[in-house]
Structures are given as structure tokens and as C-alpha cells.
N, C-alpha and C. Protein backbone atom coordinates (compact mmCIF):
# COMPACT_ATOMS: atom_id res chain seq x y z
N MET A 1 233.64 117.45 127.63
CA MET A 1 232.67 116.77 128.15
C MET A 1 231.63 115.54 127.46
N LYS A 2 231.05 114.41 127.50
CA LYS A 2 230.12 113.70 127.30
C LYS A 2 229.17 113.95 127.64
N THR A 3 227.91 114.33 127.06
CA THR A 3 226.25 114.59 127.51
C THR A 3 225.93 113.78 128.80
N ARG A 4 226.59 112.37 129.05
CA ARG A 4 226.08 111.95 129.99
C ARG A 4 226.76 112.60 131.22
N ASP A 5 228.24 112.46 131.10
CA ASP A 5 228.63 113.07 131.95
C ASP A 5 228.13 114.77 132.38
N LYS A 6 227.67 115.94 131.26
CA LYS A 6 227.41 116.86 131.64
C LYS A 6 225.76 117.00 132.39
N ILE A 7 224.84 115.98 132.44
CA ILE A 7 224.09 115.63 132.78
C ILE A 7 223.83 115.35 134.53
N ILE A 8 225.27 114.55 134.52
CA ILE A 8 225.53 114.52 136.21
C ILE A 8 225.61 115.56 136.77
N HIS A 9 226.89 116.15 136.15
CA HIS A 9 227.52 117.79 136.61
C HIS A 9 226.51 118.44 137.33
N ALA A 10 225.84 118.86 135.90
CA ALA A 10 224.19 120.15 136.00
C ALA A 10 223.63 119.39 137.03
N ALA A 11 222.96 118.29 136.74
CA ALA A 11 222.14 118.06 138.16
C ALA A 11 222.68 117.76 139.50
N LEU A 12 224.23 117.81 139.45
CA LEU A 12 224.39 118.20 141.05
C LEU A 12 224.70 119.22 141.08
N GLU A 13 224.70 120.05 140.57
CA GLU A 13 224.76 121.88 140.88
C GLU A 13 223.12 122.07 140.88
N LEU A 14 222.54 121.28 140.46
CA LEU A 14 220.76 121.93 140.66
C LEU A 14 220.42 121.92 142.01
N PHE A 15 221.02 120.15 142.33
CA PHE A 15 220.14 119.71 143.42
C PHE A 15 220.93 120.61 144.76
N ASN A 16 222.46 120.83 144.49
CA ASN A 16 222.96 121.35 145.66
C ASN A 16 222.24 123.00 145.69
N GLU A 17 221.82 123.54 144.54
CA GLU A 17 221.75 124.80 144.71
C GLU A 17 220.00 124.56 145.14
N CYS A 18 219.50 124.16 144.86
CA CYS A 18 217.79 124.27 144.44
C CYS A 18 217.01 123.35 145.81
N GLY A 19 217.60 122.38 145.78
CA GLY A 19 216.95 121.22 146.67
C GLY A 19 216.55 120.40 145.90
N GLU A 20 217.18 118.73 145.98
CA GLU A 20 217.13 117.28 145.05
C GLU A 20 215.32 117.63 144.69
N ARG A 21 214.26 118.12 145.75
CA ARG A 21 212.98 117.42 144.97
C ARG A 21 212.37 119.06 144.44
N ASN A 22 212.87 119.61 144.45
CA ASN A 22 212.35 120.88 143.69
C ASN A 22 213.26 120.80 142.15
N VAL A 23 213.98 120.05 142.08
CA VAL A 23 214.41 119.63 140.21
C VAL A 23 213.78 118.61 139.89
N THR A 24 213.63 118.73 138.61
CA THR A 24 212.98 117.93 137.96
C THR A 24 214.08 117.74 136.30
N THR A 25 213.49 116.60 135.96
CA THR A 25 214.42 116.11 134.91
C THR A 25 214.30 117.30 134.09
N ASN A 26 213.58 117.59 133.70
CA ASN A 26 213.07 119.01 132.15
C ASN A 26 213.87 119.95 133.00
N HIS A 27 213.94 120.60 134.45
CA HIS A 27 214.57 121.19 134.94
C HIS A 27 216.32 120.83 134.40
N ILE A 28 216.69 120.35 134.71
CA ILE A 28 218.00 119.68 134.22
C ILE A 28 218.67 119.85 132.73
N ALA A 29 217.35 119.43 131.74
CA ALA A 29 217.35 119.20 130.20
C ALA A 29 217.64 120.69 130.15
N ALA A 30 216.71 121.71 130.58
CA ALA A 30 216.35 122.83 130.18
C ALA A 30 217.97 123.71 130.47
N HIS A 31 218.37 123.64 131.57
CA HIS A 31 219.60 124.24 132.32
C HIS A 31 221.12 123.91 131.14
N LEU A 32 221.00 122.78 130.85
CA LEU A 32 221.79 122.59 129.95
C LEU A 32 221.60 122.75 128.31
N GLY A 33 220.08 123.42 128.14
CA GLY A 33 219.86 123.71 126.80
C GLY A 33 219.47 122.10 125.72
N ILE A 34 219.29 120.88 126.11
CA ILE A 34 218.69 119.95 125.59
C ILE A 34 217.26 119.79 125.55
N SER A 35 217.23 118.55 124.68
CA SER A 35 215.88 118.13 124.84
C SER A 35 215.90 117.18 125.97
N PRO A 36 214.55 117.05 126.73
CA PRO A 36 213.83 116.27 127.80
C PRO A 36 214.17 114.65 126.90
N GLY A 37 214.10 114.49 126.01
CA GLY A 37 214.15 113.08 125.43
C GLY A 37 215.79 112.68 125.14
N ASN A 38 216.70 113.97 124.81
CA ASN A 38 218.01 113.63 125.08
C ASN A 38 218.12 113.13 126.54
N LEU A 39 218.36 113.60 127.36
CA LEU A 39 218.49 113.18 128.97
C LEU A 39 218.10 111.68 129.16
N TYR A 40 217.27 111.47 128.44
CA TYR A 40 216.18 110.26 129.02
C TYR A 40 217.35 109.53 127.90
N TYR A 41 217.76 109.59 126.86
CA TYR A 41 218.43 108.97 125.97
C TYR A 41 219.94 108.10 127.27
N HIS A 42 220.06 109.08 128.04
CA HIS A 42 221.25 108.76 128.90
C HIS A 42 220.54 108.68 130.24
N PHE A 43 219.61 108.70 130.51
CA PHE A 43 218.85 108.00 131.92
C PHE A 43 217.88 107.73 132.28
N ARG A 44 217.36 106.87 132.48
CA ARG A 44 215.39 106.73 132.46
C ARG A 44 215.21 107.71 133.18
N ASN A 45 215.42 107.96 134.47
CA ASN A 45 214.52 109.01 135.19
C ASN A 45 215.71 110.03 136.25
N LYS A 46 214.85 111.00 137.43
CA LYS A 46 215.80 111.49 138.00
C LYS A 46 216.47 110.48 139.09
N GLU A 47 215.77 109.39 139.48
CA GLU A 47 216.20 108.41 140.33
C GLU A 47 217.75 107.89 139.77
N ASP A 48 217.66 107.71 138.63
CA ASP A 48 219.11 107.09 137.75
C ASP A 48 219.72 107.31 137.49
N ILE A 49 220.13 109.19 137.74
CA ILE A 49 220.79 110.28 137.63
C ILE A 49 221.31 110.08 139.42
N ILE A 50 220.87 110.69 139.82
CA ILE A 50 221.16 110.69 141.62
C ILE A 50 222.02 109.68 142.04
N ASP A 51 221.36 107.92 141.54
CA ASP A 51 222.26 106.63 142.00
C ASP A 51 223.63 106.98 140.97
N SER A 52 223.37 107.49 139.77
CA SER A 52 225.31 108.01 139.45
C SER A 52 226.11 108.68 140.43
N ILE A 53 225.37 109.90 140.71
CA ILE A 53 225.96 110.84 141.49
C ILE A 53 226.38 109.74 142.40
N PHE A 54 225.49 109.52 143.21
CA PHE A 54 226.13 108.89 144.96
C PHE A 54 227.25 108.33 144.14
N ASP A 55 227.36 106.87 142.97
CA ASP A 55 229.11 106.16 142.59
C ASP A 55 229.75 107.13 142.63
N GLN A 56 229.99 108.58 141.70
CA GLN A 56 230.85 109.24 141.73
C GLN A 56 230.88 110.29 143.23
N TYR A 57 230.23 110.05 143.92
CA TYR A 57 230.75 110.18 145.24
C TYR A 57 231.21 109.40 146.05
N VAL A 58 231.06 108.59 146.37
CA VAL A 58 231.80 106.98 147.05
C VAL A 58 233.27 107.01 146.39
N ASN A 59 233.37 106.98 145.02
CA ASN A 59 234.84 107.06 144.17
C ASN A 59 235.66 108.49 144.59
N TYR A 60 234.97 109.27 145.14
CA TYR A 60 235.35 110.72 145.50
C TYR A 60 236.11 110.45 146.58
N LEU A 61 235.06 110.48 147.55
CA LEU A 61 236.01 109.54 148.75
C LEU A 61 236.72 108.80 148.76
N ALA A 62 236.82 107.73 147.99
CA ALA A 62 237.66 106.54 147.99
C ALA A 62 239.27 107.15 147.98
N ASP A 63 239.16 107.99 146.94
CA ASP A 63 240.09 108.61 145.87
C ASP A 63 240.87 109.51 147.30
N HIS A 64 240.32 110.47 148.34
CA HIS A 64 240.49 111.29 148.48
C HIS A 64 240.96 110.85 150.20
N PHE A 65 240.31 109.46 150.44
CA PHE A 65 240.26 109.08 152.01
C PHE A 65 241.03 107.68 152.26
N GLN A 66 242.37 107.97 151.69
CA GLN A 66 242.71 106.57 151.10
C GLN A 66 244.01 106.51 152.24
N PRO A 67 244.04 105.18 153.25
CA PRO A 67 244.84 105.09 154.43
C PRO A 67 246.14 104.81 154.09
N HIS A 68 246.25 105.77 154.98
CA HIS A 68 247.65 106.28 155.13
C HIS A 68 248.69 105.34 155.36
N SER A 69 249.54 104.15 154.60
CA SER A 69 250.01 102.74 154.90
C SER A 69 251.41 103.25 154.80
N GLU A 70 252.06 104.23 154.66
CA GLU A 70 253.66 104.42 154.70
C GLU A 70 253.60 105.84 156.17
N GLY A 71 254.92 105.80 156.62
CA GLY A 71 255.34 106.54 157.30
C GLY A 71 254.43 106.70 158.92
N GLU A 72 254.81 108.23 159.35
CA GLU A 72 253.89 108.25 160.56
C GLU A 72 252.37 109.04 160.56
N VAL A 73 251.50 108.07 161.10
CA VAL A 73 249.62 109.02 161.06
C VAL A 73 250.54 110.54 162.02
N THR A 74 250.13 111.25 161.94
CA THR A 74 250.52 112.55 162.12
C THR A 74 248.94 113.37 162.68
N LEU A 75 248.85 113.91 163.67
CA LEU A 75 247.25 114.82 163.24
C LEU A 75 247.41 116.16 161.67
N GLU A 76 248.79 116.18 161.40
CA GLU A 76 248.33 116.70 160.54
C GLU A 76 247.88 115.89 158.88
N VAL A 77 248.29 114.41 158.79
CA VAL A 77 247.95 113.52 158.42
C VAL A 77 246.44 113.29 158.26
N MET A 78 245.79 113.74 159.66
CA MET A 78 244.03 113.56 160.05
C MET A 78 243.31 114.71 159.65
N MET A 79 244.86 115.84 159.81
CA MET A 79 244.16 116.96 159.34
C MET A 79 243.23 117.38 158.02
N SER A 80 244.04 116.57 157.23
CA SER A 80 243.60 116.04 155.63
C SER A 80 242.96 115.13 154.95
N TYR A 81 242.86 114.53 156.07
CA TYR A 81 241.47 113.28 156.04
C TYR A 81 240.41 114.35 156.42
N LEU A 82 240.18 115.07 157.16
CA LEU A 82 239.21 115.57 157.94
C LEU A 82 238.93 116.26 156.45
N ASP A 83 239.47 117.05 156.08
CA ASP A 83 239.66 118.23 154.94
C ASP A 83 238.90 118.00 154.06
N SER A 84 239.44 116.36 153.24
CA SER A 84 239.42 115.69 152.10
C SER A 84 237.52 115.10 152.51
N MET A 85 237.45 114.60 153.65
CA MET A 85 235.88 114.14 153.88
C MET A 85 234.43 115.43 153.41
N PHE A 86 235.31 116.63 154.85
CA PHE A 86 234.25 117.49 154.65
C PHE A 86 234.00 118.20 153.57
N GLU A 87 235.36 118.36 152.64
CA GLU A 87 234.94 118.94 150.86
C GLU A 87 234.18 117.59 150.71
N THR A 88 233.92 116.11 150.76
CA THR A 88 233.22 115.75 149.78
C THR A 88 232.29 115.90 150.67
N MET A 89 231.86 116.46 151.56
CA MET A 89 230.42 116.48 152.27
C MET A 89 230.28 117.91 151.36
N TRP A 90 231.36 118.67 151.22
CA TRP A 90 230.48 120.28 150.32
C TRP A 90 230.26 119.78 148.77
N ARG A 91 231.44 119.29 147.93
CA ARG A 91 231.02 118.87 146.92
C ARG A 91 229.55 118.30 146.58
N PHE A 92 228.85 117.04 147.53
CA PHE A 92 227.96 116.25 147.80
C PHE A 92 227.21 116.82 148.32
N ARG A 93 226.98 117.94 149.28
CA ARG A 93 225.85 118.30 150.06
C ARG A 93 224.41 117.32 150.01
N PHE A 94 223.62 117.73 148.84
CA PHE A 94 222.35 117.48 149.07
C PHE A 94 222.47 116.13 148.74
N LEU A 95 222.97 115.45 148.79
CA LEU A 95 223.00 113.98 149.09
C LEU A 95 222.97 113.91 150.80
N TYR A 96 223.50 114.49 151.64
CA TYR A 96 222.92 114.47 153.39
C TYR A 96 222.28 114.82 153.60
N TYR A 97 221.51 116.14 152.99
CA TYR A 97 220.05 116.84 153.75
C TYR A 97 218.79 116.31 153.30
N SER A 98 219.04 115.54 152.34
CA SER A 98 218.19 114.79 151.26
C SER A 98 218.29 112.79 151.93
N LEU A 99 218.97 112.73 152.47
CA LEU A 99 219.68 111.77 152.39
C LEU A 99 218.45 110.28 153.20
N PRO A 100 217.43 110.74 154.10
CA PRO A 100 216.82 109.88 154.44
C PRO A 100 215.52 109.32 153.38
N SER A 101 215.32 110.89 152.50
CA SER A 101 213.94 110.66 151.04
C SER A 101 214.82 109.99 150.30
N LEU A 102 215.44 109.96 150.11
CA LEU A 102 216.45 109.62 149.06
C LEU A 102 216.52 107.80 148.90
N LEU A 103 217.17 107.28 150.26
CA LEU A 103 217.23 106.40 150.22
C LEU A 103 215.88 105.37 150.65
N SER A 104 214.57 105.95 151.28
CA SER A 104 213.46 105.49 151.26
C SER A 104 212.83 104.78 150.04
N ARG A 105 212.92 106.11 149.14
CA ARG A 105 212.69 106.02 148.07
C ARG A 105 213.21 104.90 146.38
N ASP A 106 214.40 104.24 147.02
CA ASP A 106 215.43 103.86 146.59
C ASP A 106 216.01 102.79 147.05
N PRO A 107 215.25 101.15 147.36
CA PRO A 107 215.82 100.60 147.94
C PRO A 107 217.48 100.03 147.09
N ASN A 108 217.81 100.26 145.62
CA ASN A 108 218.82 99.95 145.32
C ASN A 108 219.61 100.89 145.95
N LEU A 109 219.66 102.09 145.82
CA LEU A 109 220.71 102.97 146.32
C LEU A 109 220.82 102.34 148.19
N HIS A 110 219.88 102.19 148.66
CA HIS A 110 219.79 102.10 150.01
C HIS A 110 220.57 100.91 150.48
N LYS A 111 220.60 99.87 149.25
CA LYS A 111 222.02 98.76 149.89
C LYS A 111 223.26 99.24 149.60
N LYS A 112 223.10 100.40 148.53
CA LYS A 112 224.41 100.32 147.89
C LYS A 112 225.23 101.62 148.87
N TYR A 113 224.59 102.06 149.79
CA TYR A 113 224.50 103.40 150.85
C TYR A 113 225.20 101.99 152.18
N LEU A 114 224.34 101.44 152.71
CA LEU A 114 224.74 100.52 153.62
C LEU A 114 226.02 99.95 153.34
N LYS A 115 226.39 99.50 152.06
CA LYS A 115 227.52 98.89 151.82
C LYS A 115 228.78 100.05 152.33
N PHE A 116 228.58 101.10 151.29
CA PHE A 116 229.44 102.00 151.35
C PHE A 116 230.13 102.31 152.94
N GLN A 117 228.84 102.58 153.74
CA GLN A 117 228.42 102.51 154.93
C GLN A 117 229.87 101.62 155.79
N GLU A 118 229.38 100.57 155.69
CA GLU A 118 230.08 99.71 156.08
C GLU A 118 231.74 99.67 155.99
N ILE A 119 232.19 100.12 154.78
CA ILE A 119 234.21 100.68 154.52
C ILE A 119 234.48 101.28 154.83
N SER A 120 233.58 102.54 155.01
CA SER A 120 233.87 103.90 155.54
C SER A 120 233.73 103.95 157.06
N ALA A 121 233.21 103.33 157.65
CA ALA A 121 233.19 103.13 158.81
C ALA A 121 234.92 102.19 159.67
N GLN A 122 235.05 101.33 158.77
CA GLN A 122 236.20 100.25 158.80
C GLN A 122 237.51 101.49 158.36
N ARG A 123 236.83 102.57 157.89
CA ARG A 123 238.16 103.54 157.50
C ARG A 123 238.39 104.19 158.75
N GLU A 124 237.42 104.71 159.06
CA GLU A 124 237.39 105.13 160.52
C GLU A 124 237.66 104.92 161.39
N VAL A 125 238.19 102.78 161.19
CA VAL A 125 238.41 102.55 163.17
C VAL A 125 240.27 102.49 162.61
N ASP A 126 240.89 102.23 161.47
CA ASP A 126 242.05 102.23 160.67
C ASP A 126 242.53 103.34 161.01
N LEU A 127 241.51 104.55 160.76
CA LEU A 127 242.64 105.89 161.11
C LEU A 127 243.12 106.01 162.81
N LEU A 128 242.01 105.24 163.53
CA LEU A 128 242.07 105.74 164.57
C LEU A 128 243.72 104.75 165.18
N PHE A 129 243.27 103.55 165.09
CA PHE A 129 244.44 102.78 165.37
C PHE A 129 245.24 103.42 165.28
N SER A 130 245.79 103.85 163.77
CA SER A 130 246.55 103.94 163.39
C SER A 130 247.81 105.71 164.19
N LEU A 131 246.27 106.24 164.01
CA LEU A 131 246.66 107.34 165.43
C LEU A 131 247.33 107.04 167.07
N GLN A 132 246.47 106.01 167.60
CA GLN A 132 246.80 105.19 168.72
C GLN A 132 248.42 104.50 168.79
N LYS A 133 248.80 104.39 167.36
CA LYS A 133 249.81 103.44 166.89
C LYS A 133 251.37 104.34 167.30
N ASN A 134 251.07 105.90 166.69
CA ASN A 134 251.59 106.52 166.42
C ASN A 134 251.55 107.67 167.72
N ASN A 135 251.03 107.27 169.24
CA ASN A 135 250.78 107.94 170.16
C ASN A 135 249.95 109.38 169.91
N VAL A 136 249.19 109.68 169.13
CA VAL A 136 248.75 110.73 168.65
C VAL A 136 247.25 110.99 169.54
N VAL A 137 246.66 109.48 169.97
CA VAL A 137 245.59 109.20 170.95
C VAL A 137 245.80 108.19 172.09
N ASN A 138 245.31 108.21 172.81
CA ASN A 138 245.70 107.66 174.23
C ASN A 138 243.92 107.01 174.35
N ILE A 139 243.71 105.81 173.20
CA ILE A 139 242.22 105.51 174.01
C ILE A 139 242.00 103.79 174.06
N GLN A 140 241.14 103.54 174.76
CA GLN A 140 240.96 102.20 175.03
C GLN A 140 240.82 101.25 173.65
N MET A 141 241.35 100.18 173.19
CA MET A 141 241.05 99.41 172.10
C MET A 141 239.29 99.47 171.92
N GLU A 142 238.85 99.07 173.02
CA GLU A 142 237.15 98.72 172.91
C GLU A 142 236.60 99.88 172.91
N ASP A 143 236.94 101.02 172.69
CA ASP A 143 236.43 102.66 172.27
C ASP A 143 236.52 102.57 170.86
N LEU A 144 237.49 102.13 170.53
CA LEU A 144 237.61 102.59 169.25
C LEU A 144 236.25 102.68 168.32
N ASP A 145 235.90 101.64 168.22
CA ASP A 145 234.43 101.65 167.09
C ASP A 145 233.77 102.07 167.90
N GLU A 146 233.82 103.00 169.04
CA GLU A 146 232.13 103.65 169.71
C GLU A 146 232.67 105.20 168.68
N LEU A 147 234.49 105.45 169.42
CA LEU A 147 234.25 106.76 168.90
C LEU A 147 234.15 107.15 167.46
N ALA A 148 234.75 106.09 166.27
CA ALA A 148 234.44 105.83 165.00
C ALA A 148 233.04 106.26 164.81
N ASN A 149 232.06 105.59 165.50
CA ASN A 149 231.03 105.46 164.72
C ASN A 149 230.24 107.01 165.28
N SER A 150 230.81 107.21 166.44
CA SER A 150 230.18 108.97 166.98
C SER A 150 231.08 109.80 165.96
N ILE A 151 232.07 110.02 165.64
CA ILE A 151 232.60 111.39 164.67
C ILE A 151 231.79 110.58 163.05
N LYS A 152 231.38 109.43 162.58
CA LYS A 152 230.77 109.04 161.28
C LYS A 152 229.60 109.88 161.59
N VAL A 153 228.60 109.75 162.97
CA VAL A 153 227.40 110.50 163.30
C VAL A 153 227.52 111.82 162.82
N VAL A 154 227.93 112.66 163.13
CA VAL A 154 228.67 113.76 163.02
C VAL A 154 228.59 114.25 161.84
N LEU A 155 229.16 112.95 160.84
CA LEU A 155 229.70 113.55 159.49
C LEU A 155 228.50 113.78 158.69
N VAL A 156 228.03 112.55 158.63
CA VAL A 156 226.51 112.03 158.22
C VAL A 156 225.77 112.71 158.37
N SER A 157 225.19 113.41 159.57
CA SER A 157 223.93 114.53 159.69
C SER A 157 224.50 116.00 159.86
N TRP A 158 225.77 116.66 159.91
CA TRP A 158 226.11 117.80 159.98
C TRP A 158 225.32 118.74 159.07
N VAL A 159 225.27 117.96 157.69
CA VAL A 159 224.49 119.18 156.74
C VAL A 159 223.43 119.39 156.52
N SER A 160 222.75 118.57 157.21
CA SER A 160 221.39 118.54 157.12
C SER A 160 221.25 119.19 158.67
N TYR A 161 221.54 118.59 159.58
CA TYR A 161 221.70 119.59 161.03
C TYR A 161 221.82 121.16 160.66
N ARG A 162 222.82 121.54 159.86
CA ARG A 162 222.89 123.08 159.98
C ARG A 162 222.08 123.34 158.57
N THR A 163 221.56 122.63 157.71
CA THR A 163 220.31 123.45 157.19
C THR A 163 219.11 123.58 157.65
N THR A 164 219.04 122.85 158.48
CA THR A 164 217.67 123.02 159.21
C THR A 164 218.01 124.43 160.27
N ILE A 165 219.02 124.57 160.76
CA ILE A 165 219.07 125.71 161.38
C ILE A 165 219.37 127.18 160.92
N SER A 166 219.59 127.09 159.67
CA SER A 166 219.72 128.38 158.77
C SER A 166 218.86 129.05 158.25
N LYS A 167 218.32 130.42 158.29
CA LYS A 167 217.46 131.12 157.68
C LYS A 167 217.04 131.17 157.08
N ASP A 168 218.16 130.42 156.18
CA ASP A 168 217.80 130.17 154.60
C ASP A 168 217.73 129.62 154.02
N ALA A 169 217.82 128.07 154.76
CA ALA A 169 217.57 126.87 154.34
C ALA A 169 218.60 126.65 153.60
N LYS A 170 220.12 126.81 153.96
CA LYS A 170 221.07 126.69 152.80
C LYS A 170 222.49 126.42 153.86
N VAL A 171 223.22 125.83 153.24
CA VAL A 171 224.81 125.55 153.61
C VAL A 171 225.80 125.85 153.52
N TYR A 172 227.00 127.15 154.20
CA TYR A 172 227.94 127.70 153.54
C TYR A 172 229.30 126.61 154.14
N LYS A 173 230.03 127.48 153.26
CA LYS A 173 231.38 126.49 153.63
C LYS A 173 232.00 126.52 154.98
N THR A 174 231.54 127.97 155.26
CA THR A 174 231.95 127.80 157.40
C THR A 174 231.14 127.05 158.14
N ASP A 175 229.52 126.50 157.60
CA ASP A 175 229.29 125.68 158.54
C ASP A 175 229.93 124.22 157.88
N ILE A 176 230.88 123.72 157.09
CA ILE A 176 231.41 122.79 156.74
C ILE A 176 232.46 122.61 158.10
N TYR A 177 233.24 123.62 158.24
CA TYR A 177 234.85 124.09 158.79
C TYR A 177 234.53 124.07 160.64
N ARG A 178 232.85 124.46 160.50
CA ARG A 178 232.26 123.81 162.20
C ARG A 178 231.98 122.25 162.12
N GLY A 179 231.71 121.93 161.42
CA GLY A 179 231.55 120.37 161.25
C GLY A 179 233.06 119.64 161.59
N ILE A 180 233.82 120.55 161.06
CA ILE A 180 235.57 119.55 161.86
C ILE A 180 236.10 120.34 162.76
N LEU A 181 235.26 121.32 163.28
CA LEU A 181 236.04 121.13 164.48
C LEU A 181 235.09 120.42 165.72
N LYS A 182 234.07 120.05 165.02
CA LYS A 182 233.14 119.03 166.01
C LYS A 182 233.61 117.88 166.27
N SER A 183 234.24 117.64 164.95
CA SER A 183 234.87 116.32 164.91
C SER A 183 236.54 116.15 165.71
N LEU A 184 236.75 117.28 165.89
CA LEU A 184 238.16 117.45 166.46
C LEU A 184 237.88 117.40 167.87
N PHE A 185 236.97 118.01 168.57
CA PHE A 185 236.49 118.57 170.20
C PHE A 185 235.69 117.10 170.44
N MET A 186 235.51 115.85 169.73
CA MET A 186 235.15 114.61 170.46
C MET A 186 236.43 113.88 170.79
N MET A 187 237.81 114.00 169.59
CA MET A 187 238.69 113.46 169.93
C MET A 187 239.62 113.99 171.10
N LYS A 188 239.34 114.98 171.28
CA LYS A 188 240.03 115.94 172.08
C LYS A 188 240.65 115.57 173.62
N PRO A 189 239.54 114.69 174.14
CA PRO A 189 239.69 113.93 175.37
C PRO A 189 240.47 112.91 174.98
N TYR A 190 241.19 112.79 173.84
CA TYR A 190 241.67 111.31 174.07
C TYR A 190 243.26 111.54 173.62
N PHE A 191 243.27 112.74 173.04
CA PHE A 191 244.65 113.56 172.71
C PHE A 191 246.01 113.20 173.57
N THR A 192 247.03 112.76 173.04
CA THR A 192 247.90 112.37 174.19
C THR A 192 248.54 114.02 174.59
N GLU A 193 249.51 114.73 175.86
CA GLU A 193 249.99 115.61 175.89
C GLU A 193 250.52 116.26 175.17
N GLN A 194 251.29 116.01 174.16
CA GLN A 194 252.01 116.10 172.96
C GLN A 194 250.99 116.63 171.90
N ALA A 195 249.88 115.91 171.48
CA ALA A 195 249.01 115.97 170.60
C ALA A 195 248.40 117.76 170.78
N LEU A 196 248.11 117.43 171.76
CA LEU A 196 247.26 118.43 172.19
C LEU A 196 247.45 119.69 172.08
N VAL A 197 248.74 119.84 172.10
CA VAL A 197 249.74 121.37 171.67
C VAL A 197 249.00 121.46 170.02
N ASP A 198 249.20 120.62 169.64
CA ASP A 198 248.96 120.53 167.92
C ASP A 198 247.76 120.83 167.46
N TYR A 199 246.41 120.04 168.26
CA TYR A 199 245.23 120.09 168.22
C TYR A 199 244.99 121.66 169.12
N LYS A 200 245.88 122.39 169.54
CA LYS A 200 245.68 123.67 169.71
C LYS A 200 245.34 124.89 168.85
N HIS A 201 246.98 124.16 167.77
CA HIS A 201 246.63 125.16 166.60
C HIS A 201 246.36 124.44 165.28
N MET A 202 245.53 123.22 165.25
CA MET A 202 244.40 122.89 164.24
C MET A 202 243.06 123.49 164.44
N ARG A 203 242.59 123.76 166.15
CA ARG A 203 241.75 124.37 166.23
C ARG A 203 241.58 125.68 166.24
N GLU A 204 242.26 126.60 166.22
CA GLU A 204 242.53 128.20 166.14
C GLU A 204 242.25 127.86 164.49
N TYR A 205 243.11 127.11 163.61
CA TYR A 205 243.21 127.44 161.77
C TYR A 205 241.69 126.93 161.70
N TYR A 206 240.66 126.37 161.98
CA TYR A 206 239.70 125.38 161.83
C TYR A 206 238.98 126.80 162.05
N LEU A 207 238.80 127.11 163.59
CA LEU A 207 238.20 128.36 163.80
C LEU A 207 238.19 129.71 163.30
N ARG A 208 239.26 130.07 162.45
CA ARG A 208 239.57 131.01 161.82
C ARG A 208 238.63 130.77 160.52
N LEU A 209 238.41 129.69 160.17
CA LEU A 209 237.62 129.50 158.89
C LEU A 209 236.67 129.25 158.78
N ALA A 210 236.06 128.80 160.23
CA ALA A 210 234.52 128.91 160.66
C ALA A 210 233.87 129.71 160.74
N THR A 211 234.30 130.92 161.25
CA THR A 211 233.93 132.41 161.78
C THR A 211 234.26 133.59 160.78
N ALA A 212 234.88 132.72 159.20
CA ALA A 212 234.88 133.96 158.43
C ALA A 212 233.67 134.17 157.78
N GLU A 213 233.67 135.43 157.05
CA GLU A 213 232.60 136.05 156.34
C GLU A 213 231.59 135.12 155.99
N THR A 214 230.39 134.84 155.72
CA THR A 214 229.32 133.89 154.68
C THR A 214 229.45 134.35 153.53
N VAL A 215 229.65 133.53 153.03
CA VAL A 215 229.98 134.46 151.43
C VAL A 215 228.71 133.20 150.24
N VAL A 216 227.85 133.52 149.75
CA VAL A 216 227.14 133.06 148.98
C VAL A 216 227.38 131.32 148.63
N PRO A 217 227.01 130.55 148.79
CA PRO A 217 227.09 129.05 148.42
C PRO A 217 228.09 128.68 146.65
N ASP A 218 228.92 128.76 146.47
CA ASP A 218 229.52 128.36 145.41
C ASP A 218 229.07 127.02 144.99
N ILE A 219 228.09 126.95 144.62
CA ILE A 219 226.90 125.81 143.59
C ILE A 219 228.67 125.09 142.43
N ASN A 220 229.61 125.51 142.24
CA ASN A 220 229.85 124.67 141.07
C ASN A 220 231.27 123.94 142.53
N GLY A 221 231.34 124.10 143.41
CA GLY A 221 232.05 122.95 145.01
C GLY A 221 233.07 123.87 144.81
């Protein structure tokens, strides 16, 4: 792994574990056993590192949340989308609970984030539309955008919310699975009769994961 990539990887680990505000470039350099000068050869400052992490986040989500262009779009397909999205949230969780602060400090990052949200919102609408075409959900077309936006709000705010109510101010994988349950519950009123049968199985599956014994967060993802 190149030094630049090692810096990004180490920063992501530390930001997730310690919180972005508590980590300096000196901490990152010390974690890697390199000099601060070596770090600054690759990145001008911490914001520059965060910007690169955000690019990785966007690319990771795009790779794992591709539109389903062939075959039927079923609840299993939707489940794979949810798994991918919340796995992304776990891997890049510091972005979610630090998001307002990060965006307010970096106008360039804010612009990139807004552009990304436009693309993300359209993906969610496309997924719901595909579920509608395949008789998984029954929803008025004019309500598609509203439901997609509501789900997006949960996705964006869930990690931050769970962090604020956690006794140790940390988020765990069980918390992420609770987020999946919330997203599914929001869609429950729109599932067709047959889809409701599958929904119950999915809910039981995620409920087991969400109520599993909490373990210390794996900072390596």
C-alpha cells in the first residue's frame, strides 16, 4: 500500500474510533510511524485527508449500490441494497456523526456532498420505482419522492442519533442493523400482501442482528 493510501486508511480508523475533532495530523503520523513532514508531503492538512476519505466513501457507495438493470427487483434485492448502504455507514461512520461540522468548515466538501446527495436521492427513487413495477410495493407515483427522501433522512442521521443516546458515545454494528429495521418499517405500509410475508422474514433476520450481544466496534471495518 502506498504511503498516501496508508495515511487515508489510518485517518479513517482514528476518526471512527476517536472522533474526527480529537485526531490531528500528528496523531495520524504517529499512528503510522512516519514524520509529520512525510504526511504533509501527501496532504496539505487534515481537511485534505477528509476530502480524500469522502471521495472513497462516494466511490464505495456507488460500487455497492448500483441500479438493478436486469431481472426482477425483489425484496432480496432491496435487502442487498440496504446491507450495502448500512455497511458503508459503518465503514465511514465518522462522516455521519461529524457531518454538520465538516461541511460548515469546508465549502468545497459541502459542494461535493450536495452533488452526491442529488445522485443518491435519484438512486433511491429508481429503486422504489423498480419495486413498484415488480409489485413489491404499492405506492402512488407522487409519493415516491417523499418516501425516498424520508428513507434518506434516516440513512443520513441514524449514526449521529445512535451516538447521542449511547452511554459511551460510540456506535455499534447492532445500531446499524436497527437502522435497517427503521428503513424497512417505513416501507411496511406500502408492501403488497405477498411482500408482507417476505418482510416478516426480513424483519426477524435483522431483529436478531440488532439485538445480538454488543461488541467493541471494529475500527478496521
